Amino acid sequence: MLLCAPCFLRGQVLLIVDDSNPSNVTFTATGNNAGAYDSSTTEAAGVDLLNFFANAIVGSYLASGTLTPAGNGTAAYNQATIDNYSVTGIDLNYRNGSLSPDADQIFDPTLPDPALHGMDWVNFFSVDFDLPAPGTFGNILSGNSTENSGVIIGTWEAVPEPANTGLAAGLAALAAGAGSMWWNRRVNQLR
């Protein structure tokens, strides 16, 4: 059974997700244009980050910041809810849940306006084990599974945590140097 053929295509990265601190997961717009045109969705429908969670979860989370979609509106997304477009409970619907009246999102790859602007953060501490691993990526769908699903406009990507290899190598060299000094001192004492 084919769930969603376009869900597995890799497109333009629109959002960088840093979940190295589950209490302060950041969503940062890259400034790239949408990879496809869509004007059929509103800010209340938002965008779906497909296959975001490792396992099915439930809930709704407050988002804070300035992440705003392209189009006629200027209100930032303020709600992150679980959606079921791909498989039950693994998609993240990012939207503005308090708009009245609602404004259109216009994702147009031919305009100089990026698909998303700004940055938001969400506290996902309660589901930290289900957050995407560094290097994970998925598609972004305009709209959501219940109100109005549009088209794949780009991708999101979880950034790798800062590499600790340099620190580990430095500590190993320090330990080797200290061990060598101890050995030389011990040999000299035995002479």
Protein backbone atom coordinates (compact mmCIF):
# COMPACT_ATOMS: atom_id res chain seq x y z
CA MET A 1 0.00 0.00 0.00
CA LEU A 2 1.48 3.37 -1.05
CA LEU A 3 0.70 5.96 1.60
CA CYS A 4 2.07 9.10 -0.01
CA ALA A 5 4.46 8.92 -2.94
CA PRO A 6 5.60 12.56 -2.71
CA CYS A 7 6.24 12.12 1.03
CA PHE A 8 9.55 10.45 0.26
CA LEU A 9 11.00 13.07 -2.10
CA ARG A 10 13.79 15.35 -0.83
CA GLY A 11 13.22 19.02 -1.62
CA GLN A 12 14.39 22.48 -0.65
CA VAL A 13 15.12 22.76 3.11
CA LEU A 14 12.74 25.35 4.58
CA LEU A 15 13.10 24.66 8.31
CA ILE A 16 16.05 23.68 10.48
CA VAL A 17 15.04 21.91 13.70
CA ASP A 18 17.44 21.90 16.66
CA ASP A 19 16.18 19.50 19.33
CA SER A 20 19.43 19.18 21.28
CA ASN A 21 17.51 20.74 24.20
CA PRO A 22 14.03 19.09 24.31
CA SER A 23 12.76 21.88 26.60
CA ASN A 24 13.62 24.44 23.92
CA VAL A 25 13.33 22.88 20.45
CA THR A 26 13.94 25.58 17.86
CA PHE A 27 12.43 25.83 14.39
CA THR A 28 14.43 28.25 12.21
CA ALA A 29 13.43 29.32 8.70
CA THR A 30 16.24 28.97 6.17
CA GLY A 31 15.05 31.82 3.92
CA ASN A 32 14.54 29.46 0.97
CA ASN A 33 11.57 29.71 -1.35
CA ALA A 34 8.90 27.03 -1.48
CA GLY A 35 9.56 24.23 -3.93
CA ALA A 36 5.94 24.22 -5.19
CA TYR A 37 3.09 26.69 -5.56
CA ASP A 38 0.12 26.55 -3.19
CA SER A 39 -2.37 29.19 -2.09
CA SER A 40 -5.13 26.84 -0.93
CA THR A 41 -4.29 26.88 2.77
CA THR A 42 -4.55 29.38 5.62
CA GLU A 43 -2.43 30.20 8.65
CA ALA A 44 -4.92 28.30 10.82
CA ALA A 45 -4.23 25.15 8.76
CA GLY A 46 -0.47 25.89 8.89
CA VAL A 47 2.04 23.36 7.64
CA ASP A 48 2.65 19.70 8.49
CA LEU A 49 6.16 18.47 9.22
CA LEU A 50 5.67 14.92 7.97
CA ASN A 51 7.16 11.98 9.87
CA PHE A 52 8.49 14.30 12.57
CA PHE A 53 8.13 12.03 15.60
CA ALA A 54 9.75 8.60 15.93
CA ASN A 55 6.59 7.12 17.50
CA ALA A 56 2.94 8.10 17.66
CA ILE A 57 2.20 10.66 20.34
CA VAL A 58 -0.76 12.87 21.28
CA GLY A 59 -0.99 16.46 22.39
CA SER A 60 -0.81 20.12 21.56
CA TYR A 61 2.08 22.41 22.46
CA LEU A 62 2.48 26.18 22.61
CA ALA A 63 4.95 27.72 20.19
CA SER A 64 6.65 31.06 20.86
CA GLY A 65 8.56 33.26 18.48
CA THR A 66 8.34 34.86 15.06
CA LEU A 67 7.98 31.96 12.58
CA THR A 68 5.58 33.27 9.94
CA PRO A 69 4.42 31.76 6.63
CA ALA A 70 4.57 33.56 3.29
CA GLY A 71 1.38 35.19 2.10
CA ASN A 72 -1.08 37.82 3.22
CA GLY A 73 -0.85 37.26 6.97
CA THR A 74 1.65 38.54 9.46
CA ALA A 75 0.73 36.44 12.50
CA ALA A 76 3.34 33.97 13.72
CA TYR A 77 2.60 30.29 14.19
CA ASN A 78 1.78 29.74 17.87
CA GLN A 79 0.65 26.14 18.12
CA ALA A 80 2.28 22.79 17.44
CA THR A 81 -0.22 19.92 17.35
CA ILE A 82 0.05 16.27 16.44
CA ASP A 83 -1.42 15.37 13.04
CA ASN A 84 -2.23 12.19 11.15
CA TYR A 85 -1.43 12.89 7.49
CA SER A 86 1.27 10.20 7.11
CA VAL A 87 0.54 7.79 9.95
CA THR A 88 -1.44 8.40 13.12
CA GLY A 89 0.38 10.66 15.56
CA ILE A 90 3.80 11.14 13.94
CA ASP A 91 3.30 14.38 11.98
CA LEU A 92 3.66 17.82 13.54
CA ASN A 93 1.15 20.47 12.44
CA TYR A 94 2.64 23.91 12.94
CA ARG A 95 0.01 26.66 12.76
CA ASN A 96 -1.60 29.75 14.19
CA GLY A 97 -4.45 28.51 16.37
CA SER A 98 -5.83 31.91 17.38
CA LEU A 99 -6.55 33.75 14.14
CA SER A 100 -9.79 35.46 13.38
CA PRO A 101 -10.13 36.28 10.55
CA ASP A 102 -7.76 33.78 9.03
CA ALA A 103 -5.18 34.84 6.42
CA ASP A 104 -4.06 32.92 3.35
CA GLN A 105 -0.64 31.32 3.08
CA ILE A 106 0.84 31.81 -0.38
CA PHE A 107 3.81 29.61 -1.17
CA ASP A 108 5.20 30.69 -4.54
CA PRO A 109 8.63 29.54 -5.77
CA THR A 110 8.72 32.34 -8.38
CA LEU A 111 8.47 35.22 -5.89
CA PRO A 112 11.42 36.58 -3.89
CA ASP A 113 9.44 35.97 -0.68
CA PRO A 114 10.80 32.99 1.34
CA ALA A 115 8.30 30.28 2.27
CA LEU A 116 8.84 30.87 6.00
CA HIS A 117 10.36 33.71 8.03
CA GLY A 118 11.75 33.84 11.57
CA MET A 119 12.22 31.34 14.38
CA ASP A 120 10.04 29.63 16.99
CA TRP A 121 10.67 27.38 19.96
CA VAL A 122 8.56 24.69 21.60
CA ASN A 123 8.93 22.73 24.85
CA PHE A 124 8.83 19.03 23.86
CA PHE A 125 10.43 17.76 27.09
CA SER A 126 7.53 15.35 27.74
CA VAL A 127 8.16 13.55 24.42
CA ASP A 128 11.94 13.97 24.19
CA PHE A 129 12.59 10.31 23.29
CA ASP A 130 10.35 10.64 20.22
CA LEU A 131 12.05 13.71 18.75
CA PRO A 132 13.93 13.33 15.46
CA ALA A 133 17.52 12.14 15.62
CA PRO A 134 20.23 14.48 14.27
CA GLY A 135 20.35 14.26 10.48
CA THR A 136 16.70 13.20 10.18
CA PHE A 137 14.64 15.02 7.56
CA GLY A 138 11.10 14.99 6.22
CA ASN A 139 8.76 16.84 3.92
CA ILE A 140 6.66 19.89 4.71
CA LEU A 141 3.05 19.84 3.55
CA SER A 142 1.05 23.04 3.29
CA GLY A 143 -2.11 22.62 5.37
CA ASN A 144 -2.93 19.59 7.50
CA SER A 145 -4.86 16.32 7.37
CA THR A 146 -8.20 17.63 8.64
CA GLU A 147 -8.74 21.18 7.43
CA ASN A 148 -7.00 21.55 4.12
CA SER A 149 -4.06 19.55 2.85
CA GLY A 150 -2.14 21.25 0.07
CA VAL A 151 1.13 20.18 -1.53
CA ILE A 152 4.69 19.37 -0.50
CA ILE A 153 6.45 22.75 -0.43
CA GLY A 154 9.87 21.70 0.90
CA THR A 155 11.60 19.83 3.71
CA TRP A 156 12.61 20.15 7.36
CA GLU A 157 15.89 18.85 8.74
CA ALA A 158 17.09 18.08 12.28
CA VAL A 159 20.56 19.52 12.72
CA PRO A 160 23.29 17.38 14.21
CA GLU A 161 24.33 18.12 17.76
CA PRO A 162 27.72 19.84 18.06
CA ALA A 163 30.48 17.33 17.47
CA ASN A 164 32.42 16.32 20.57
CA THR A 165 35.15 14.49 18.66
CA GLY A 166 37.65 17.33 19.07
CA LEU A 167 36.98 17.43 22.80
CA ALA A 168 37.32 13.64 23.08
CA ALA A 169 40.59 13.67 21.12
CA GLY A 170 41.96 16.45 23.33
CA LEU A 171 41.01 14.60 26.51
CA ALA A 172 42.57 11.39 25.17
CA ALA A 173 45.82 13.23 24.38
CA LEU A 174 45.82 14.82 27.83
CA ALA A 175 45.28 11.42 29.48
CA ALA A 176 48.03 9.85 27.36
CA GLY A 177 50.41 12.68 28.25
CA ALA A 178 49.62 12.37 31.97
CA GLY A 179 50.07 8.58 31.80
CA SER A 180 53.39 9.00 30.03
CA MET A 181 54.60 11.49 32.65
CA TRP A 182 53.56 9.12 35.45
CA TRP A 183 55.35 6.19 33.78
CA ASN A 184 58.57 8.18 33.22
CA ARG A 185 58.54 9.37 36.83
CA ARG A 186 57.94 5.82 38.08
CA VAL A 187 60.77 4.40 35.93
CA ASN A 188 63.15 7.11 37.15
CA GLN A 189 62.27 6.34 40.79
CA LEU A 190 63.10 2.67 40.32
CA ARG A 191 66.60 3.41 38.95
